[in-house]
N, C-alpha and C. Protein backbone atom coordinates (compact mmCIF):
# COMPACT_ATOMS: atom_id res chain seq x y z
N UNK A 1 0.82 -1.20 -0.05
CA UNK A 1 -0.13 -0.05 0.00
C UNK A 1 0.92 1.40 0.05
N UNK A 2 0.33 2.29 -0.72
CA UNK A 2 1.14 3.58 -0.60
C UNK A 2 0.94 4.37 0.60
N UNK A 3 1.84 5.39 0.93
CA UNK A 3 1.57 6.22 2.10
C UNK A 3 0.85 7.39 1.79
N UNK A 4 -0.20 7.66 2.59
CA UNK A 4 -0.92 8.82 2.47
C UNK A 4 -0.22 10.03 2.96
N UNK A 5 -0.35 11.12 2.18
CA UNK A 5 0.31 12.37 2.59
C UNK A 5 -0.64 13.19 3.40
N UNK A 6 -1.89 12.96 3.38
CA UNK A 6 -2.79 13.68 4.22
C UNK A 6 -3.90 12.72 4.75
N UNK A 7 -4.13 12.68 6.14
CA UNK A 7 -5.03 11.85 6.70
C UNK A 7 -6.38 12.30 6.58
N UNK A 8 -7.25 11.50 6.96
CA UNK A 8 -8.69 11.81 6.73
C UNK A 8 -9.17 13.01 7.46
N UNK A 9 -8.46 13.35 8.57
CA UNK A 9 -8.95 14.53 9.33
C UNK A 9 -8.44 15.75 8.74
N UNK A 10 -7.55 15.67 7.61
CA UNK A 10 -6.96 16.91 7.16
C UNK A 10 -5.66 17.39 7.77
N UNK A 11 -5.05 16.61 8.49
CA UNK A 11 -3.80 17.09 9.22
C UNK A 11 -2.57 16.67 8.34
N UNK A 12 -1.64 17.64 8.10
CA UNK A 12 -0.60 17.42 7.15
C UNK A 12 0.40 16.45 7.80
N UNK A 13 1.14 15.76 7.03
CA UNK A 13 2.07 14.86 7.37
C UNK A 13 3.51 15.52 7.45
N UNK A 14 4.44 14.74 7.92
CA UNK A 14 5.88 15.27 8.04
C UNK A 14 6.36 15.76 6.70
N UNK A 15 5.99 14.95 5.70
CA UNK A 15 6.61 15.01 4.31
C UNK A 15 6.15 16.43 3.81
N UNK A 16 4.92 16.95 4.06
CA UNK A 16 4.48 18.25 3.68
C UNK A 16 5.20 19.33 4.36
N UNK A 17 5.42 19.08 5.71
CA UNK A 17 6.03 20.00 6.52
C UNK A 17 7.55 20.36 6.01
N UNK A 18 8.19 19.27 5.56
CA UNK A 18 9.57 19.34 5.01
C UNK A 18 9.52 20.29 3.74
N UNK A 19 8.56 19.96 2.81
CA UNK A 19 8.50 20.86 1.59
C UNK A 19 8.21 22.21 1.86
N UNK A 20 7.25 22.54 2.79
CA UNK A 20 7.08 23.91 3.11
C UNK A 20 8.42 24.67 3.68
N UNK A 21 9.00 23.93 4.59
CA UNK A 21 10.31 24.50 4.98
C UNK A 21 11.26 24.77 3.97
N UNK A 22 11.38 24.06 2.97
CA UNK A 22 12.36 24.08 1.83
C UNK A 22 11.92 25.40 0.92
N UNK A 23 10.64 25.55 0.86
CA UNK A 23 10.09 26.62 -0.13
C UNK A 23 10.30 28.05 0.73
N UNK A 24 10.26 28.01 1.94
CA UNK A 24 10.51 29.20 2.81
C UNK A 24 11.87 29.52 2.69
N UNK A 25 12.84 28.67 2.77
CA UNK A 25 14.25 28.85 2.77
C UNK A 25 14.61 29.46 1.24
N UNK A 26 14.01 28.94 0.10
CA UNK A 26 14.25 29.51 -1.07
C UNK A 26 13.84 30.96 -1.28
N UNK A 27 12.68 31.21 -0.61
CA UNK A 27 12.13 32.64 -0.67
C UNK A 27 13.06 33.54 0.09
N UNK A 28 13.61 33.11 1.13
CA UNK A 28 14.46 33.95 1.94
C UNK A 28 15.74 34.18 1.17
N UNK A 29 16.24 33.11 0.42
CA UNK A 29 17.51 33.39 -0.33
C UNK A 29 17.34 34.33 -1.45
N UNK A 30 16.04 34.25 -2.04
CA UNK A 30 15.88 35.18 -3.14
C UNK A 30 15.66 36.61 -2.76
N UNK A 31 15.06 36.72 -1.58
CA UNK A 31 14.90 38.18 -1.11
C UNK A 31 16.42 38.71 -0.71
N UNK A 32 17.28 37.90 -0.20
CA UNK A 32 18.60 38.41 0.16
C UNK A 32 19.39 38.79 -1.12
N UNK A 33 19.22 37.89 -2.10
CA UNK A 33 19.99 38.16 -3.40
C UNK A 33 19.51 39.42 -4.05
N UNK A 34 18.29 39.82 -3.77
CA UNK A 34 17.64 41.13 -4.33
C UNK A 34 18.35 42.20 -3.58
N UNK A 35 18.27 42.09 -2.31
CA UNK A 35 18.88 43.19 -1.41
C UNK A 35 20.43 43.37 -1.75
N UNK A 36 21.18 42.28 -1.99
CA UNK A 36 22.49 42.50 -2.40
C UNK A 36 22.73 43.17 -3.74
N UNK A 37 21.84 42.88 -4.61
CA UNK A 37 21.95 43.47 -6.05
C UNK A 37 21.68 45.07 -5.96
N UNK A 38 20.67 45.43 -4.96
CA UNK A 38 20.42 46.86 -4.87
C UNK A 38 21.64 47.62 -4.24
N UNK A 39 22.22 46.80 -3.33
CA UNK A 39 23.37 47.48 -2.45
C UNK A 39 24.49 47.60 -3.47
N UNK A 40 24.72 46.57 -4.40
CA UNK A 40 25.75 46.69 -5.52
C UNK A 40 25.57 47.83 -6.38
N UNK A 41 24.34 48.09 -6.77
CA UNK A 41 24.01 49.10 -7.65
C UNK A 41 24.28 50.63 -6.96
N UNK A 42 24.07 50.75 -5.78
CA UNK A 42 24.11 51.99 -5.08
C UNK A 42 25.61 52.54 -5.11
N UNK A 43 26.54 51.67 -4.85
CA UNK A 43 28.01 52.22 -4.84
C UNK A 43 28.34 52.60 -6.40
N UNK A 44 27.76 51.87 -7.41
CA UNK A 44 28.04 52.17 -8.73
C UNK A 44 27.67 53.61 -9.24
N UNK A 45 26.45 54.00 -8.67
CA UNK A 45 26.08 55.27 -8.86
C UNK A 45 26.80 56.32 -8.19
N UNK A 46 27.27 55.84 -6.97
CA UNK A 46 28.21 56.96 -6.24
C UNK A 46 29.47 57.02 -6.92
N UNK A 47 29.93 55.90 -7.48
CA UNK A 47 31.23 55.79 -8.29
C UNK A 47 31.23 56.72 -9.46
N UNK A 48 29.97 56.70 -10.13
CA UNK A 48 29.83 57.55 -11.30
C UNK A 48 29.98 58.95 -11.09
N UNK A 49 29.36 59.46 -9.89
CA UNK A 49 29.44 60.80 -9.51
C UNK A 49 30.74 61.17 -9.15
N UNK A 50 31.61 60.30 -8.47
CA UNK A 50 32.85 60.47 -8.08
C UNK A 50 33.82 60.72 -9.35
N UNK A 51 33.54 59.84 -10.38
CA UNK A 51 34.36 60.16 -11.49
C UNK A 51 34.12 61.37 -12.31
N UNK A 52 32.74 61.76 -12.31
CA UNK A 52 32.46 63.14 -12.89
C UNK A 52 32.92 64.19 -12.11
N UNK A 53 33.13 64.07 -10.79
CA UNK A 53 33.80 65.13 -9.87
C UNK A 53 35.25 65.18 -10.29
N UNK A 54 35.88 64.04 -10.60
CA UNK A 54 37.39 63.85 -10.82
C UNK A 54 37.68 64.53 -12.16
N UNK A 55 36.67 64.39 -13.08
CA UNK A 55 36.89 64.99 -14.41
C UNK A 55 36.74 66.41 -14.33
N UNK A 56 35.72 66.95 -13.50
CA UNK A 56 35.58 68.45 -13.26
C UNK A 56 36.92 68.93 -12.67
N UNK A 57 37.34 68.19 -11.65
CA UNK A 57 38.68 68.76 -11.00
C UNK A 57 39.82 68.78 -11.99
N UNK A 58 39.76 67.76 -12.81
CA UNK A 58 40.91 67.69 -13.87
C UNK A 58 40.79 69.05 -14.88
N UNK A 59 39.54 69.25 -15.31
CA UNK A 59 39.28 70.31 -16.06
C UNK A 59 39.77 71.80 -15.32
N UNK A 60 39.43 71.77 -14.01
CA UNK A 60 39.86 72.99 -13.35
C UNK A 60 41.44 72.97 -13.25
N UNK A 61 42.05 71.92 -13.07
CA UNK A 61 43.47 71.92 -13.08
C UNK A 61 44.11 72.34 -14.27
N UNK A 62 43.53 72.07 -15.42
CA UNK A 62 44.05 72.55 -16.78
C UNK A 62 44.11 74.05 -16.94
N UNK A 63 43.31 74.68 -16.06
CA UNK A 63 43.34 76.17 -16.21
C UNK A 63 44.58 76.84 -15.57
N UNK A 64 45.40 75.91 -14.91
CA UNK A 64 46.56 76.41 -14.26
C UNK A 64 47.82 76.40 -15.26
N UNK A 65 48.81 77.34 -15.08
CA UNK A 65 49.83 77.30 -16.09
C UNK A 65 50.96 76.20 -15.62
N UNK A 66 51.96 75.98 -16.41
CA UNK A 66 52.98 74.87 -16.06
C UNK A 66 53.64 75.13 -14.67
N UNK A 67 53.76 76.51 -14.36
CA UNK A 67 54.40 76.77 -13.06
C UNK A 67 53.57 76.42 -11.85
N UNK A 68 52.22 76.12 -12.10
CA UNK A 68 51.38 75.85 -10.98
C UNK A 68 50.62 77.04 -10.48
N UNK A 69 50.79 78.16 -11.23
CA UNK A 69 50.14 79.43 -10.77
C UNK A 69 48.75 79.34 -11.55
N UNK A 70 47.70 79.78 -10.85
CA UNK A 70 46.29 79.81 -11.56
C UNK A 70 46.29 80.95 -12.65
N UNK A 71 45.87 80.74 -13.77
CA UNK A 71 45.73 81.73 -14.75
C UNK A 71 44.39 82.20 -14.70
N UNK A 72 44.32 83.56 -14.52
CA UNK A 72 42.94 84.10 -14.53
C UNK A 72 42.80 84.84 -15.88
N UNK A 73 41.61 85.16 -16.20
CA UNK A 73 41.26 85.74 -17.54
C UNK A 73 41.77 87.20 -17.34
N UNK A 74 42.58 87.68 -18.31
CA UNK A 74 43.09 88.99 -18.22
C UNK A 74 44.33 89.31 -17.60
N UNK A 75 44.97 88.21 -17.09
CA UNK A 75 46.21 88.31 -16.25
C UNK A 75 47.38 88.59 -17.31
N UNK A 76 48.30 89.38 -16.81
CA UNK A 76 49.49 89.77 -17.61
C UNK A 76 50.24 88.57 -18.19
N UNK A 77 50.61 88.52 -19.27
CA UNK A 77 51.47 87.27 -19.84
C UNK A 77 52.97 87.54 -19.82
N UNK A 78 53.39 88.61 -19.44
CA UNK A 78 54.81 88.94 -19.38
C UNK A 78 55.54 89.17 -20.70
N UNK A 79 54.63 89.46 -21.85
CA UNK A 79 55.21 89.82 -23.14
C UNK A 79 55.74 91.20 -23.16
N UNK A 80 55.13 92.13 -22.57
CA UNK A 80 55.67 93.50 -22.47
C UNK A 80 57.11 93.51 -21.65
N UNK A 81 56.97 92.73 -20.45
CA UNK A 81 58.21 92.65 -19.70
C UNK A 81 59.47 92.03 -20.47
N UNK A 82 59.22 91.03 -21.18
CA UNK A 82 60.25 90.40 -22.19
C UNK A 82 60.65 91.32 -23.14
N UNK A 83 59.83 92.13 -23.70
CA UNK A 83 60.22 93.09 -24.89
C UNK A 83 61.07 94.28 -24.16
N UNK A 84 60.59 94.68 -23.03
CA UNK A 84 61.32 95.71 -22.31
C UNK A 84 62.89 95.25 -21.96
N UNK A 85 62.94 93.91 -21.63
CA UNK A 85 64.18 93.49 -21.15
C UNK A 85 65.25 93.34 -22.45
N UNK A 86 64.66 92.93 -23.55
CA UNK A 86 65.44 92.84 -24.64
C UNK A 86 65.74 94.27 -25.16
N UNK A 87 64.87 95.23 -25.12
CA UNK A 87 65.23 96.58 -25.47
C UNK A 87 66.26 97.13 -24.55
N UNK A 88 66.30 96.86 -23.32
CA UNK A 88 67.29 97.30 -22.30
C UNK A 88 68.65 96.77 -22.79
N UNK A 89 68.74 95.65 -23.00
CA UNK A 89 70.01 94.87 -23.48
C UNK A 89 70.57 95.42 -24.74
N UNK A 90 69.53 95.66 -25.55
CA UNK A 90 69.99 96.12 -27.01
C UNK A 90 70.63 97.65 -26.95
N UNK A 91 69.87 98.51 -26.12
CA UNK A 91 70.25 99.84 -25.92
C UNK A 91 71.64 99.88 -25.12
N UNK A 92 71.96 98.96 -24.31
CA UNK A 92 73.15 98.80 -23.64
C UNK A 92 74.35 98.56 -24.60
N UNK A 93 74.09 97.53 -25.53
CA UNK A 93 75.08 97.30 -26.53
C UNK A 93 75.26 98.39 -27.37
N UNK A 94 74.30 99.16 -27.82
CA UNK A 94 74.35 100.26 -28.63
C UNK A 94 75.17 101.43 -28.11
N UNK A 95 75.07 101.64 -26.70
CA UNK A 95 75.86 102.63 -26.00
C UNK A 95 77.33 102.35 -25.91
N UNK A 96 77.69 100.95 -26.08
CA UNK A 96 79.13 100.76 -26.09
C UNK A 96 79.81 100.57 -27.32
N UNK A 97 78.95 100.28 -28.47
CA UNK A 97 79.54 100.12 -29.80
C UNK A 97 79.24 101.26 -30.74
N UNK A 98 78.37 102.19 -30.25
CA UNK A 98 78.19 103.37 -31.07
C UNK A 98 76.86 103.21 -31.95
N UNK A 99 76.42 104.35 -32.42
CA UNK A 99 75.12 104.35 -33.20
C UNK A 99 75.33 105.37 -34.44
N UNK A 100 74.19 105.29 -35.31
CA UNK A 100 74.39 106.18 -36.26
C UNK A 100 74.13 107.70 -35.94
N UNK A 101 73.33 107.88 -34.86
CA UNK A 101 73.11 109.07 -34.34
C UNK A 101 74.42 109.67 -33.72
N UNK A 102 75.12 108.87 -33.07
CA UNK A 102 76.51 109.37 -32.57
C UNK A 102 77.41 109.74 -33.52
N UNK A 103 77.28 108.89 -34.68
CA UNK A 103 78.26 109.21 -35.76
C UNK A 103 77.86 110.33 -36.44
N UNK A 104 76.71 110.71 -36.74
CA UNK A 104 76.23 111.82 -37.46
C UNK A 104 76.52 113.13 -36.62
N UNK A 105 76.23 113.06 -35.21
CA UNK A 105 76.59 114.11 -34.38
C UNK A 105 78.06 114.38 -34.29
N UNK A 106 78.88 113.45 -34.30
CA UNK A 106 80.36 113.64 -34.35
C UNK A 106 80.77 114.17 -35.68
N UNK A 107 80.28 113.84 -36.86
CA UNK A 107 80.73 114.36 -38.06
C UNK A 107 80.29 115.94 -38.13
N UNK A 108 79.02 116.11 -37.56
CA UNK A 108 78.48 117.44 -37.52
C UNK A 108 79.55 118.47 -36.65
N UNK A 109 79.82 117.99 -35.60
CA UNK A 109 80.60 118.78 -34.68
C UNK A 109 81.99 119.01 -35.34
N UNK A 110 82.55 117.98 -36.02
CA UNK A 110 83.67 118.28 -36.83
C UNK A 110 83.75 119.25 -37.89
N UNK A 111 82.62 119.20 -38.63
CA UNK A 111 82.35 120.20 -39.76
C UNK A 111 82.33 121.60 -39.12
N UNK A 112 81.53 121.70 -38.10
CA UNK A 112 81.29 123.06 -37.47
C UNK A 112 82.66 123.54 -36.92
N UNK A 113 83.55 122.68 -36.49
CA UNK A 113 84.79 123.10 -35.86
C UNK A 113 85.73 123.57 -37.20
N UNK A 114 85.58 122.96 -38.28
CA UNK A 114 86.40 123.36 -39.35
C UNK A 114 85.87 124.74 -39.86
N UNK A 115 84.62 124.95 -39.73
CA UNK A 115 84.09 126.32 -40.26
C UNK A 115 84.44 127.44 -39.19
N UNK A 116 84.64 127.12 -38.01
CA UNK A 116 84.88 128.11 -37.04
C UNK A 116 86.40 128.37 -36.98
N UNK A 117 87.13 127.66 -37.50
CA UNK A 117 88.76 127.87 -37.35
C UNK A 117 89.21 128.17 -38.86
N UNK A 118 90.37 128.73 -38.86
CA UNK A 118 91.05 129.10 -40.07
C UNK A 118 92.54 128.59 -39.99
N UNK A 119 93.18 128.76 -41.14
CA UNK A 119 94.58 128.17 -41.21
C UNK A 119 95.51 128.88 -40.19
N UNK A 120 95.08 130.01 -39.74
CA UNK A 120 95.97 130.86 -38.96
C UNK A 120 95.80 130.60 -37.40
N UNK A 121 94.72 129.66 -37.16
CA UNK A 121 94.36 129.27 -35.74
C UNK A 121 95.74 128.47 -35.37
N UNK A 122 95.81 128.36 -33.96
CA UNK A 122 96.81 127.50 -33.35
C UNK A 122 96.31 126.16 -33.43
N UNK A 123 97.33 125.21 -33.00
CA UNK A 123 97.17 123.79 -33.19
C UNK A 123 96.23 123.43 -32.10
N UNK A 124 96.20 123.94 -30.91
CA UNK A 124 95.35 123.50 -29.84
C UNK A 124 93.90 123.82 -30.17
N UNK A 125 93.65 125.00 -30.88
CA UNK A 125 92.20 125.17 -31.20
C UNK A 125 91.89 124.47 -32.32
N UNK A 126 92.72 124.17 -33.36
CA UNK A 126 92.20 123.11 -34.52
C UNK A 126 91.98 121.78 -33.88
N UNK A 127 92.74 121.28 -32.86
CA UNK A 127 92.47 119.96 -32.38
C UNK A 127 91.10 120.01 -31.63
N UNK A 128 90.90 120.97 -30.77
CA UNK A 128 89.68 121.01 -29.97
C UNK A 128 88.56 121.14 -30.83
N UNK A 129 88.56 121.98 -31.75
CA UNK A 129 87.38 122.26 -32.63
C UNK A 129 87.15 121.12 -33.63
N UNK A 130 88.15 120.53 -34.11
CA UNK A 130 87.93 119.54 -35.09
C UNK A 130 87.75 118.10 -34.59
N UNK A 131 88.37 117.88 -33.39
CA UNK A 131 88.28 116.39 -32.80
C UNK A 131 87.57 116.45 -31.42
N UNK A 132 88.06 117.33 -30.67
CA UNK A 132 87.62 117.30 -29.18
C UNK A 132 85.92 117.39 -29.18
N UNK A 133 85.33 118.32 -29.67
CA UNK A 133 83.92 118.42 -29.79
C UNK A 133 83.33 117.18 -30.37
N UNK A 134 83.86 116.71 -31.53
CA UNK A 134 83.22 115.47 -32.07
C UNK A 134 83.27 114.40 -31.18
N UNK A 135 84.40 114.16 -30.59
CA UNK A 135 84.49 112.99 -29.57
C UNK A 135 83.42 113.14 -28.46
N UNK A 136 83.35 114.38 -27.80
CA UNK A 136 82.43 114.72 -26.81
C UNK A 136 81.03 114.33 -27.35
N UNK A 137 80.67 114.71 -28.60
CA UNK A 137 79.27 114.46 -29.01
C UNK A 137 79.16 112.92 -29.11
N UNK A 138 79.96 112.25 -29.64
CA UNK A 138 79.91 110.75 -29.60
C UNK A 138 79.70 110.15 -28.16
N UNK A 139 80.49 110.74 -27.25
CA UNK A 139 80.32 110.25 -25.81
C UNK A 139 78.98 110.66 -25.23
N UNK A 140 78.46 111.77 -25.58
CA UNK A 140 77.17 112.21 -25.09
C UNK A 140 76.05 111.32 -25.54
N UNK A 141 76.11 111.03 -26.79
CA UNK A 141 75.03 110.17 -27.33
C UNK A 141 75.26 108.71 -26.80
N UNK A 142 76.34 108.26 -26.58
CA UNK A 142 76.48 106.92 -25.98
C UNK A 142 75.94 106.88 -24.61
N UNK A 143 76.19 108.07 -23.85
CA UNK A 143 75.61 108.14 -22.45
C UNK A 143 74.23 108.15 -22.42
N UNK A 144 73.54 108.82 -23.36
CA UNK A 144 72.19 108.79 -23.48
C UNK A 144 71.47 107.42 -23.73
N UNK A 145 72.11 106.73 -24.72
CA UNK A 145 71.64 105.34 -24.78
C UNK A 145 71.84 104.41 -23.61
N UNK A 146 72.99 104.56 -22.97
CA UNK A 146 73.26 103.91 -21.73
C UNK A 146 72.28 104.31 -20.57
N UNK A 147 71.92 105.41 -20.40
CA UNK A 147 71.02 105.95 -19.38
C UNK A 147 69.68 105.29 -19.66
N UNK A 148 69.18 105.45 -20.93
CA UNK A 148 67.96 104.77 -21.35
C UNK A 148 67.82 103.25 -21.08
N UNK A 149 68.93 102.69 -21.42
CA UNK A 149 68.98 101.11 -21.22
C UNK A 149 68.96 100.92 -19.62
N UNK A 150 69.54 101.72 -18.89
CA UNK A 150 69.47 101.56 -17.41
C UNK A 150 68.15 101.76 -16.94
N UNK A 151 67.46 102.65 -17.37
CA UNK A 151 66.14 103.01 -16.75
C UNK A 151 65.18 101.88 -17.26
N UNK A 152 65.21 101.44 -18.59
CA UNK A 152 64.32 100.49 -18.94
C UNK A 152 64.58 99.19 -18.17
N UNK A 153 65.76 98.75 -18.05
CA UNK A 153 66.11 97.55 -17.28
C UNK A 153 65.54 97.60 -15.76
N UNK A 154 65.71 98.81 -15.09
CA UNK A 154 65.27 98.87 -13.77
C UNK A 154 63.72 98.74 -13.78
N UNK A 155 63.01 99.32 -14.64
CA UNK A 155 61.70 99.33 -14.70
C UNK A 155 61.15 97.95 -14.90
N UNK A 156 61.67 97.14 -15.80
CA UNK A 156 61.40 95.74 -15.95
C UNK A 156 61.53 94.91 -14.81
N UNK A 157 62.62 95.10 -14.01
CA UNK A 157 62.82 94.36 -12.79
C UNK A 157 61.88 94.62 -11.71
N UNK A 158 61.43 96.10 -11.60
CA UNK A 158 60.60 96.42 -10.65
C UNK A 158 59.11 96.21 -10.95
N UNK A 159 58.94 95.81 -12.12
CA UNK A 159 57.48 95.67 -12.61
C UNK A 159 56.59 94.60 -11.82
N UNK A 160 57.14 93.44 -11.44
CA UNK A 160 56.39 92.51 -10.71
C UNK A 160 55.86 92.90 -9.49
N UNK A 161 56.64 93.96 -8.72
CA UNK A 161 56.12 94.50 -7.36
C UNK A 161 54.77 95.32 -7.63
N UNK A 162 54.56 95.79 -8.74
CA UNK A 162 53.36 96.50 -9.04
C UNK A 162 52.26 95.75 -9.89
N UNK A 163 52.51 94.56 -10.13
CA UNK A 163 51.68 93.71 -11.05
C UNK A 163 50.70 92.79 -10.25
N UNK A 164 50.20 91.61 -10.80
CA UNK A 164 49.53 90.76 -10.10
C UNK A 164 50.29 89.91 -9.11
N UNK A 165 49.82 89.90 -7.90
CA UNK A 165 50.60 89.22 -6.65
C UNK A 165 50.49 87.86 -6.95
N UNK A 166 51.67 87.18 -6.55
CA UNK A 166 51.82 85.70 -6.68
C UNK A 166 52.13 85.29 -8.10
N UNK A 167 52.44 86.08 -8.96
CA UNK A 167 52.81 85.65 -10.24
C UNK A 167 54.31 85.99 -10.50
N UNK A 168 55.12 85.09 -10.38
CA UNK A 168 56.61 85.28 -10.59
C UNK A 168 57.09 85.79 -12.02
N UNK A 169 58.14 86.41 -12.01
CA UNK A 169 58.63 86.90 -13.36
C UNK A 169 59.43 85.80 -13.99
N UNK A 170 59.42 85.55 -15.23
CA UNK A 170 60.16 84.53 -15.92
C UNK A 170 61.62 84.68 -15.68
N UNK A 171 62.36 83.59 -15.44
CA UNK A 171 63.83 83.84 -15.27
C UNK A 171 64.57 84.28 -16.33
N UNK A 172 64.12 84.15 -17.69
CA UNK A 172 64.91 84.72 -18.68
C UNK A 172 64.68 86.15 -18.83
N UNK A 173 63.46 86.65 -18.38
CA UNK A 173 63.33 88.09 -18.49
C UNK A 173 64.12 88.89 -17.41
N UNK A 174 64.32 88.19 -16.23
CA UNK A 174 65.23 88.82 -15.23
C UNK A 174 66.75 88.81 -15.71
N UNK A 175 67.17 87.63 -16.28
CA UNK A 175 68.41 87.65 -16.92
C UNK A 175 68.85 88.69 -17.81
N UNK A 176 67.87 88.87 -18.88
CA UNK A 176 68.11 89.82 -19.99
C UNK A 176 67.99 91.30 -19.42
N UNK A 177 67.08 91.49 -18.47
CA UNK A 177 66.90 92.81 -17.93
C UNK A 177 68.18 93.25 -17.04
N UNK A 178 68.83 92.13 -16.23
CA UNK A 178 69.93 92.49 -15.57
C UNK A 178 71.12 92.74 -16.48
N UNK A 179 71.15 91.97 -17.63
CA UNK A 179 72.22 92.20 -18.61
C UNK A 179 72.11 93.73 -19.15
N UNK A 180 70.88 94.18 -19.39
CA UNK A 180 70.66 95.58 -19.90
C UNK A 180 71.11 96.57 -18.89
N UNK A 181 70.77 96.37 -17.64
CA UNK A 181 71.24 97.35 -16.44
C UNK A 181 72.68 97.25 -16.35
N UNK A 182 73.36 96.14 -16.41
CA UNK A 182 74.76 96.15 -16.37
C UNK A 182 75.44 96.86 -17.63
N UNK A 183 75.04 96.55 -18.73
CA UNK A 183 75.54 97.31 -19.93
C UNK A 183 75.31 98.83 -19.85
N UNK A 184 74.08 99.18 -19.32
CA UNK A 184 73.83 100.54 -19.22
C UNK A 184 74.75 101.34 -18.28
N UNK A 185 75.04 100.56 -17.12
CA UNK A 185 76.03 101.20 -16.12
C UNK A 185 77.43 101.34 -16.71
N UNK A 186 77.91 100.25 -17.38
CA UNK A 186 79.18 100.38 -18.08
C UNK A 186 79.23 101.39 -19.06
N UNK A 187 78.26 101.54 -20.04
CA UNK A 187 78.21 102.51 -21.04
C UNK A 187 78.19 103.95 -20.46
N UNK A 188 77.39 104.03 -19.39
CA UNK A 188 77.20 105.45 -18.83
C UNK A 188 78.55 105.92 -18.16
N UNK A 189 79.27 104.91 -17.48
CA UNK A 189 80.40 105.28 -16.89
C UNK A 189 81.55 105.68 -17.94
N UNK A 190 81.60 104.80 -18.89
CA UNK A 190 82.48 105.22 -20.15
C UNK A 190 82.26 106.41 -20.70
N UNK A 191 80.97 106.72 -20.96
CA UNK A 191 80.54 107.92 -21.61
C UNK A 191 81.02 109.22 -20.70
N UNK A 192 80.78 109.17 -19.40
CA UNK A 192 81.24 110.22 -18.52
C UNK A 192 82.62 110.42 -18.46
N UNK A 193 83.40 109.35 -18.50
CA UNK A 193 85.03 109.47 -18.54
C UNK A 193 85.35 109.96 -19.66
N UNK A 194 84.83 109.66 -21.04
CA UNK A 194 85.30 110.18 -22.24
C UNK A 194 84.85 111.69 -22.37
N UNK A 195 83.62 111.92 -21.98
CA UNK A 195 83.27 113.44 -22.13
C UNK A 195 83.93 114.40 -21.27
N UNK A 196 84.53 113.91 -20.10
CA UNK A 196 85.40 114.83 -19.23
C UNK A 196 86.93 114.68 -19.56
N UNK A 197 87.09 113.91 -20.69
CA UNK A 197 88.48 113.72 -21.04
C UNK A 197 89.34 113.02 -19.97
N UNK A 198 88.71 112.33 -19.10
CA UNK A 198 89.54 111.45 -18.21
C UNK A 198 90.02 110.18 -18.91
N UNK A 199 89.22 109.74 -19.81
CA UNK A 199 89.55 108.54 -20.59
C UNK A 199 89.82 109.01 -22.16
N UNK A 200 90.93 108.60 -22.71
CA UNK A 200 91.13 109.01 -24.07
C UNK A 200 91.05 110.52 -24.28
N UNK A 201 91.65 111.25 -23.48
CA UNK A 201 91.48 112.75 -23.71
C UNK A 201 92.35 113.30 -24.92
N UNK A 202 92.19 114.55 -25.16
CA UNK A 202 92.94 115.21 -26.30
C UNK A 202 94.39 115.21 -26.09
N UNK A 203 95.23 115.09 -27.10
CA UNK A 203 96.68 115.02 -27.02
C UNK A 203 97.15 116.46 -26.65
N UNK A 204 98.27 116.48 -25.88
CA UNK A 204 98.83 117.84 -25.42
C UNK A 204 99.47 118.39 -26.72
N UNK A 205 99.42 119.68 -26.81
CA UNK A 205 99.96 120.38 -28.02
C UNK A 205 101.23 121.29 -27.68
N UNK A 206 101.41 121.38 -26.44
CA UNK A 206 102.55 122.30 -26.15
C UNK A 206 103.54 121.64 -25.42
């Protein structure tokens, strides 16, 4: 005879109780797996936001220059300072080597000296009018170029103190500006010495 699963009074047997327990365990496992899936999706959403924030931070970092200084719109780029430094060095070189302005001024003074003297003038007067004034004119124009070079170089070096705070001056600008200042000082000193006849003065005539 086969075993009855339900008796005549409607009471469930042990076999039915075991099946119900297994079904309840499966339902519990399914609920837990759903909760784990939801929990796994939540960090993913948070991770997406984090990556977006990281991209935004990267975009903000790209607004900084290579030196790490934040670049703001309208901030000075240093082009004018670089040009001023080059001009200062160039004027310093001109003050030492001479310029066409100094050459023309020297020739003019020499011509005027010849017109103001005659063949009967003494040798001292001829030398002073024909050469001394011309050399002084050359020295004067060399001193003017040296002085301008010195002023421009000092202005370039002092410019960051009156500009945007926290923005350092490029090293090459400082180097060229200091070169212009040095050449200007040397040129100005030589011009003063020549103009006063301390350096390469007129030869003695007596």
